[in-house]
Amino acid sequence: MGKRDLWLIGGLLLLAAALFLSSWLLGRPGAYAVVRVDGREVARYALTQNGSYELNGGTNLLVIQDGAARITGADCPDRLCVRQGWISKAGQVITCLPNRLTVTVYGPDDGVDVYM
């Protein structure tokens, strides 16, 4: 590995860090969380309303608190959905593949395509 390779790798890492930070700092705040199981929407919760909700027949536990959502309990073997942490910005997603569940945060103006 030569000097140019190291400069290229360093530049790509710097670019990736800048893109991550800009999306994290400039992301739009979310208004509600949509829960889908097998791709079908099963629930929609406002992020302004604190609460705990059993999802997918009790296989997952969703907690909404202070404008953010998090899966705090799951019966899947790897529990990766629990480790994904809090989400609060539009476009962020928590996924539980074994239970075929996703929680997606949407902004206040998402979902409306056209006014007539």
N, C-alpha and C. Protein backbone atom coordinates (compact mmCIF):
# COMPACT_ATOMS: atom_id res chain seq x y z
N MET A 1 0.86 -1.18 0.00
CA MET A 1 0.00 0.00 0.00
C MET A 1 0.90 1.23 0.00
N GLY A 2 0.66 2.08 -0.99
CA GLY A 2 1.50 3.26 -1.14
C GLY A 2 0.91 4.48 -0.46
N LYS A 3 1.65 5.58 -0.61
CA LYS A 3 1.26 6.83 0.01
C LYS A 3 -0.06 7.36 -0.58
N ARG A 4 -0.22 7.19 -1.89
CA ARG A 4 -1.46 7.65 -2.54
C ARG A 4 -2.67 6.87 -2.05
N ASP A 5 -2.49 5.58 -1.82
CA ASP A 5 -3.60 4.77 -1.30
C ASP A 5 -4.04 5.26 0.07
N LEU A 6 -3.08 5.59 0.91
CA LEU A 6 -3.40 6.10 2.25
C LEU A 6 -4.13 7.44 2.16
N TRP A 7 -3.68 8.32 1.24
CA TRP A 7 -4.36 9.59 1.06
C TRP A 7 -5.79 9.39 0.56
N LEU A 8 -5.99 8.44 -0.35
CA LEU A 8 -7.32 8.15 -0.87
C LEU A 8 -8.23 7.61 0.23
N ILE A 9 -7.74 6.69 1.01
CA ILE A 9 -8.54 6.12 2.11
C ILE A 9 -8.86 7.20 3.13
N GLY A 10 -7.88 8.01 3.48
CA GLY A 10 -8.11 9.10 4.44
C GLY A 10 -9.14 10.09 3.92
N GLY A 11 -9.06 10.44 2.64
CA GLY A 11 -10.02 11.37 2.05
C GLY A 11 -11.43 10.81 2.04
N LEU A 12 -11.56 9.52 1.71
CA LEU A 12 -12.88 8.89 1.72
C LEU A 12 -13.47 8.82 3.12
N LEU A 13 -12.64 8.53 4.10
CA LEU A 13 -13.11 8.50 5.49
C LEU A 13 -13.54 9.88 5.95
N LEU A 14 -12.80 10.89 5.56
CA LEU A 14 -13.15 12.27 5.91
C LEU A 14 -14.47 12.68 5.26
N LEU A 15 -14.66 12.32 4.01
CA LEU A 15 -15.90 12.61 3.30
C LEU A 15 -17.08 11.90 3.95
N ALA A 16 -16.90 10.64 4.30
CA ALA A 16 -17.97 9.89 4.96
C ALA A 16 -18.33 10.52 6.31
N ALA A 17 -17.34 10.93 7.07
CA ALA A 17 -17.60 11.58 8.36
C ALA A 17 -18.33 12.90 8.18
N ALA A 18 -17.95 13.67 7.17
CA ALA A 18 -18.62 14.95 6.92
C ALA A 18 -20.07 14.74 6.50
N LEU A 19 -20.34 13.75 5.66
CA LEU A 19 -21.72 13.47 5.26
C LEU A 19 -22.56 12.99 6.44
N PHE A 20 -21.98 12.14 7.28
CA PHE A 20 -22.70 11.66 8.46
C PHE A 20 -23.03 12.81 9.39
N LEU A 21 -22.06 13.67 9.68
CA LEU A 21 -22.29 14.79 10.59
C LEU A 21 -23.30 15.78 10.03
N SER A 22 -23.25 16.04 8.73
CA SER A 22 -24.20 16.98 8.16
C SER A 22 -25.62 16.43 8.21
N SER A 23 -25.79 15.14 7.95
CA SER A 23 -27.15 14.58 8.02
C SER A 23 -27.63 14.51 9.47
N TRP A 24 -26.73 14.29 10.40
CA TRP A 24 -27.11 14.22 11.81
C TRP A 24 -27.48 15.60 12.34
N LEU A 25 -26.70 16.61 11.98
CA LEU A 25 -26.94 17.96 12.49
C LEU A 25 -28.08 18.67 11.76
N LEU A 26 -28.25 18.41 10.47
CA LEU A 26 -29.23 19.13 9.68
C LEU A 26 -30.52 18.35 9.43
N GLY A 27 -30.64 17.17 10.02
CA GLY A 27 -31.83 16.35 9.82
C GLY A 27 -33.09 17.02 10.34
N ARG A 28 -34.20 16.81 9.63
CA ARG A 28 -35.47 17.39 10.05
C ARG A 28 -36.02 16.62 11.24
N PRO A 29 -36.58 17.30 12.22
CA PRO A 29 -37.17 16.60 13.35
C PRO A 29 -38.40 15.80 12.91
N GLY A 30 -38.60 14.66 13.53
CA GLY A 30 -39.73 13.82 13.19
C GLY A 30 -40.99 14.23 13.92
N ALA A 31 -42.14 13.86 13.34
CA ALA A 31 -43.44 14.17 13.93
C ALA A 31 -44.15 12.91 14.41
N TYR A 32 -43.95 11.81 13.70
CA TYR A 32 -44.62 10.57 14.08
C TYR A 32 -43.81 9.36 13.63
N ALA A 33 -44.08 8.22 14.27
CA ALA A 33 -43.41 6.96 13.95
C ALA A 33 -44.44 6.02 13.35
N VAL A 34 -44.08 5.38 12.25
CA VAL A 34 -44.95 4.41 11.60
C VAL A 34 -44.36 3.02 11.81
N VAL A 35 -45.20 2.11 12.31
CA VAL A 35 -44.79 0.72 12.54
C VAL A 35 -45.35 -0.13 11.41
N ARG A 36 -44.45 -0.92 10.81
CA ARG A 36 -44.87 -1.83 9.74
C ARG A 36 -44.44 -3.25 10.10
N VAL A 37 -45.32 -4.20 9.82
CA VAL A 37 -45.02 -5.62 9.97
C VAL A 37 -45.29 -6.26 8.62
N ASP A 38 -44.30 -6.96 8.09
CA ASP A 38 -44.41 -7.56 6.75
C ASP A 38 -44.73 -6.51 5.70
N GLY A 39 -44.26 -5.28 5.88
CA GLY A 39 -44.49 -4.21 4.92
C GLY A 39 -45.84 -3.51 5.03
N ARG A 40 -46.72 -4.00 5.90
CA ARG A 40 -48.03 -3.38 6.09
C ARG A 40 -47.99 -2.46 7.30
N GLU A 41 -48.54 -1.26 7.15
CA GLU A 41 -48.61 -0.33 8.28
C GLU A 41 -49.63 -0.86 9.29
N VAL A 42 -49.17 -1.04 10.54
CA VAL A 42 -50.06 -1.54 11.59
C VAL A 42 -50.32 -0.50 12.67
N ALA A 43 -49.48 0.53 12.77
CA ALA A 43 -49.69 1.54 13.80
C ALA A 43 -48.93 2.81 13.41
N ARG A 44 -49.43 3.93 13.96
CA ARG A 44 -48.81 5.23 13.76
C ARG A 44 -48.90 5.98 15.08
N TYR A 45 -47.77 6.45 15.60
CA TYR A 45 -47.74 7.11 16.90
C TYR A 45 -47.08 8.48 16.78
N ALA A 46 -47.69 9.49 17.40
CA ALA A 46 -47.10 10.83 17.44
C ALA A 46 -45.91 10.81 18.39
N LEU A 47 -44.83 11.44 17.98
CA LEU A 47 -43.64 11.50 18.84
C LEU A 47 -43.82 12.47 20.00
N THR A 48 -44.89 13.25 19.97
CA THR A 48 -45.16 14.19 21.05
C THR A 48 -45.90 13.51 22.21
N GLN A 49 -46.39 12.31 21.99
CA GLN A 49 -47.17 11.58 23.01
C GLN A 49 -46.31 10.47 23.61
N ASN A 50 -45.84 10.65 24.84
CA ASN A 50 -45.03 9.63 25.51
C ASN A 50 -45.87 8.39 25.79
N GLY A 51 -45.24 7.22 25.66
CA GLY A 51 -45.96 5.98 25.96
C GLY A 51 -45.14 4.76 25.61
N SER A 52 -45.63 3.60 26.03
CA SER A 52 -45.04 2.30 25.70
C SER A 52 -46.10 1.48 24.98
N TYR A 53 -45.68 0.80 23.91
CA TYR A 53 -46.62 0.08 23.08
C TYR A 53 -46.07 -1.30 22.73
N GLU A 54 -46.88 -2.33 22.97
CA GLU A 54 -46.51 -3.68 22.54
C GLU A 54 -46.81 -3.81 21.06
N LEU A 55 -45.84 -4.32 20.32
CA LEU A 55 -45.98 -4.44 18.87
C LEU A 55 -45.92 -5.91 18.46
N ASN A 56 -46.55 -6.19 17.34
CA ASN A 56 -46.44 -7.50 16.72
C ASN A 56 -46.83 -8.62 17.68
N GLY A 57 -47.95 -8.44 18.36
CA GLY A 57 -48.41 -9.46 19.29
C GLY A 57 -47.55 -9.59 20.54
N GLY A 58 -46.85 -8.54 20.90
CA GLY A 58 -46.03 -8.55 22.10
C GLY A 58 -44.58 -8.97 21.88
N THR A 59 -44.18 -9.19 20.63
CA THR A 59 -42.79 -9.59 20.38
C THR A 59 -41.81 -8.44 20.55
N ASN A 60 -42.28 -7.21 20.38
CA ASN A 60 -41.43 -6.04 20.53
C ASN A 60 -42.13 -5.00 21.39
N LEU A 61 -41.34 -4.19 22.09
CA LEU A 61 -41.88 -3.12 22.92
C LEU A 61 -41.29 -1.80 22.43
N LEU A 62 -42.17 -0.89 21.98
CA LEU A 62 -41.77 0.43 21.50
C LEU A 62 -42.03 1.45 22.59
N VAL A 63 -41.03 2.28 22.86
CA VAL A 63 -41.18 3.36 23.83
C VAL A 63 -40.99 4.68 23.10
N ILE A 64 -41.92 5.61 23.30
CA ILE A 64 -41.81 6.96 22.77
C ILE A 64 -41.70 7.90 23.95
N GLN A 65 -40.64 8.71 23.93
CA GLN A 65 -40.38 9.60 25.06
C GLN A 65 -39.63 10.82 24.57
N ASP A 66 -40.12 11.99 24.93
CA ASP A 66 -39.46 13.26 24.63
C ASP A 66 -39.13 13.43 23.15
N GLY A 67 -40.05 13.05 22.27
CA GLY A 67 -39.87 13.26 20.85
C GLY A 67 -39.00 12.24 20.15
N ALA A 68 -38.74 11.11 20.78
CA ALA A 68 -37.91 10.07 20.17
C ALA A 68 -38.53 8.70 20.42
N ALA A 69 -38.20 7.74 19.56
CA ALA A 69 -38.74 6.39 19.67
C ALA A 69 -37.59 5.40 19.78
N ARG A 70 -37.87 4.28 20.48
CA ARG A 70 -36.86 3.25 20.67
C ARG A 70 -37.54 1.92 20.93
N ILE A 71 -36.97 0.84 20.42
CA ILE A 71 -37.42 -0.50 20.77
C ILE A 71 -36.63 -0.89 22.02
N THR A 72 -37.34 -1.19 23.11
CA THR A 72 -36.65 -1.52 24.36
C THR A 72 -36.73 -3.01 24.69
N GLY A 73 -37.60 -3.72 24.02
CA GLY A 73 -37.71 -5.14 24.29
C GLY A 73 -38.02 -5.91 23.02
N ALA A 74 -37.43 -7.09 22.88
CA ALA A 74 -37.67 -7.93 21.72
C ALA A 74 -37.39 -9.38 22.09
N ASP A 75 -38.13 -10.30 21.45
CA ASP A 75 -37.91 -11.71 21.73
C ASP A 75 -37.01 -12.38 20.69
N CYS A 76 -36.45 -11.60 19.77
CA CYS A 76 -35.56 -12.18 18.75
C CYS A 76 -34.21 -12.52 19.37
N PRO A 77 -33.48 -13.47 18.77
CA PRO A 77 -32.23 -13.93 19.38
C PRO A 77 -31.11 -12.90 19.42
N ASP A 78 -30.97 -12.05 18.41
CA ASP A 78 -29.84 -11.11 18.39
C ASP A 78 -30.13 -9.77 19.03
N ARG A 79 -31.39 -9.37 19.13
CA ARG A 79 -31.83 -8.13 19.76
C ARG A 79 -31.13 -6.89 19.17
N LEU A 80 -30.82 -6.93 17.88
CA LEU A 80 -30.19 -5.78 17.23
C LEU A 80 -31.10 -4.56 17.22
N CYS A 81 -32.40 -4.78 17.14
CA CYS A 81 -33.35 -3.66 17.14
C CYS A 81 -33.28 -2.89 18.46
N VAL A 82 -33.02 -3.58 19.55
CA VAL A 82 -32.90 -2.92 20.85
C VAL A 82 -31.63 -2.08 20.90
N ARG A 83 -30.57 -2.57 20.27
CA ARG A 83 -29.28 -1.87 20.30
C ARG A 83 -29.21 -0.67 19.35
N GLN A 84 -30.22 -0.50 18.48
CA GLN A 84 -30.18 0.61 17.54
C GLN A 84 -30.43 1.96 18.20
N GLY A 85 -30.97 1.97 19.39
CA GLY A 85 -31.10 3.21 20.16
C GLY A 85 -32.27 4.08 19.74
N TRP A 86 -32.21 5.34 20.16
CA TRP A 86 -33.29 6.30 19.94
C TRP A 86 -33.23 6.86 18.53
N ILE A 87 -34.41 7.05 17.93
CA ILE A 87 -34.52 7.72 16.64
C ILE A 87 -35.52 8.87 16.78
N SER A 88 -35.21 10.00 16.17
CA SER A 88 -36.09 11.16 16.31
C SER A 88 -36.14 12.03 15.06
N LYS A 89 -35.29 11.78 14.09
CA LYS A 89 -35.25 12.60 12.89
C LYS A 89 -35.93 11.88 11.72
N ALA A 90 -36.56 12.66 10.86
CA ALA A 90 -37.27 12.10 9.71
C ALA A 90 -36.33 11.25 8.87
N GLY A 91 -36.78 10.05 8.54
CA GLY A 91 -36.00 9.13 7.73
C GLY A 91 -35.26 8.07 8.51
N GLN A 92 -35.15 8.21 9.82
CA GLN A 92 -34.46 7.19 10.61
C GLN A 92 -35.37 5.97 10.77
N VAL A 93 -34.73 4.79 10.81
CA VAL A 93 -35.49 3.53 10.84
C VAL A 93 -34.86 2.58 11.86
N ILE A 94 -35.72 1.86 12.57
CA ILE A 94 -35.31 0.73 13.40
C ILE A 94 -35.90 -0.50 12.73
N THR A 95 -35.09 -1.54 12.56
CA THR A 95 -35.53 -2.75 11.88
C THR A 95 -35.29 -3.97 12.76
N CYS A 96 -36.29 -4.84 12.83
CA CYS A 96 -36.17 -6.14 13.49
C CYS A 96 -36.47 -7.20 12.43
N LEU A 97 -35.43 -7.73 11.82
CA LEU A 97 -35.62 -8.69 10.73
C LEU A 97 -36.30 -9.99 11.17
N PRO A 98 -35.91 -10.60 12.30
CA PRO A 98 -36.57 -11.86 12.66
C PRO A 98 -38.09 -11.70 12.85
N ASN A 99 -38.53 -10.53 13.35
CA ASN A 99 -39.95 -10.31 13.58
C ASN A 99 -40.61 -9.54 12.42
N ARG A 100 -39.84 -9.26 11.35
CA ARG A 100 -40.33 -8.56 10.15
C ARG A 100 -41.00 -7.23 10.49
N LEU A 101 -40.36 -6.47 11.37
CA LEU A 101 -40.93 -5.22 11.89
C LEU A 101 -39.99 -4.06 11.59
N THR A 102 -40.58 -2.91 11.20
CA THR A 102 -39.80 -1.68 11.06
C THR A 102 -40.54 -0.54 11.75
N VAL A 103 -39.77 0.37 12.30
CA VAL A 103 -40.30 1.61 12.87
C VAL A 103 -39.59 2.74 12.13
N THR A 104 -40.34 3.58 11.43
CA THR A 104 -39.78 4.66 10.63
C THR A 104 -40.31 5.99 11.13
N VAL A 105 -39.42 6.97 11.27
CA VAL A 105 -39.82 8.31 11.69
C VAL A 105 -40.07 9.15 10.45
N TYR A 106 -41.20 9.86 10.44
CA TYR A 106 -41.56 10.76 9.35
C TYR A 106 -41.71 12.17 9.90
N GLY A 107 -41.42 13.15 9.04
CA GLY A 107 -41.57 14.55 9.42
C GLY A 107 -43.02 14.99 9.33
N PRO A 108 -43.31 16.21 9.76
CA PRO A 108 -44.68 16.69 9.79
C PRO A 108 -45.31 16.82 8.41
N ASP A 109 -44.51 17.01 7.37
CA ASP A 109 -45.07 17.20 6.03
C ASP A 109 -44.90 15.97 5.14
N ASP A 110 -44.40 14.87 5.66
CA ASP A 110 -44.24 13.65 4.87
C ASP A 110 -45.59 12.97 4.69
N GLY A 111 -45.74 12.29 3.59
CA GLY A 111 -46.94 11.51 3.37
C GLY A 111 -48.00 12.21 2.53
N VAL A 112 -47.90 13.53 2.34
CA VAL A 112 -48.87 14.24 1.52
C VAL A 112 -48.20 14.58 0.21
N ASP A 113 -48.69 14.01 -0.88
CA ASP A 113 -48.07 14.23 -2.18
C ASP A 113 -48.64 15.43 -2.91
N VAL A 114 -49.97 15.54 -2.96
CA VAL A 114 -50.60 16.59 -3.76
C VAL A 114 -51.86 17.08 -3.04
N TYR A 115 -52.01 18.39 -3.01
CA TYR A 115 -53.28 18.98 -2.54
C TYR A 115 -54.10 19.34 -3.76
N MET A 116 -55.39 19.07 -3.72
CA MET A 116 -56.26 19.43 -4.85
C MET A 116 -57.37 20.32 -4.36
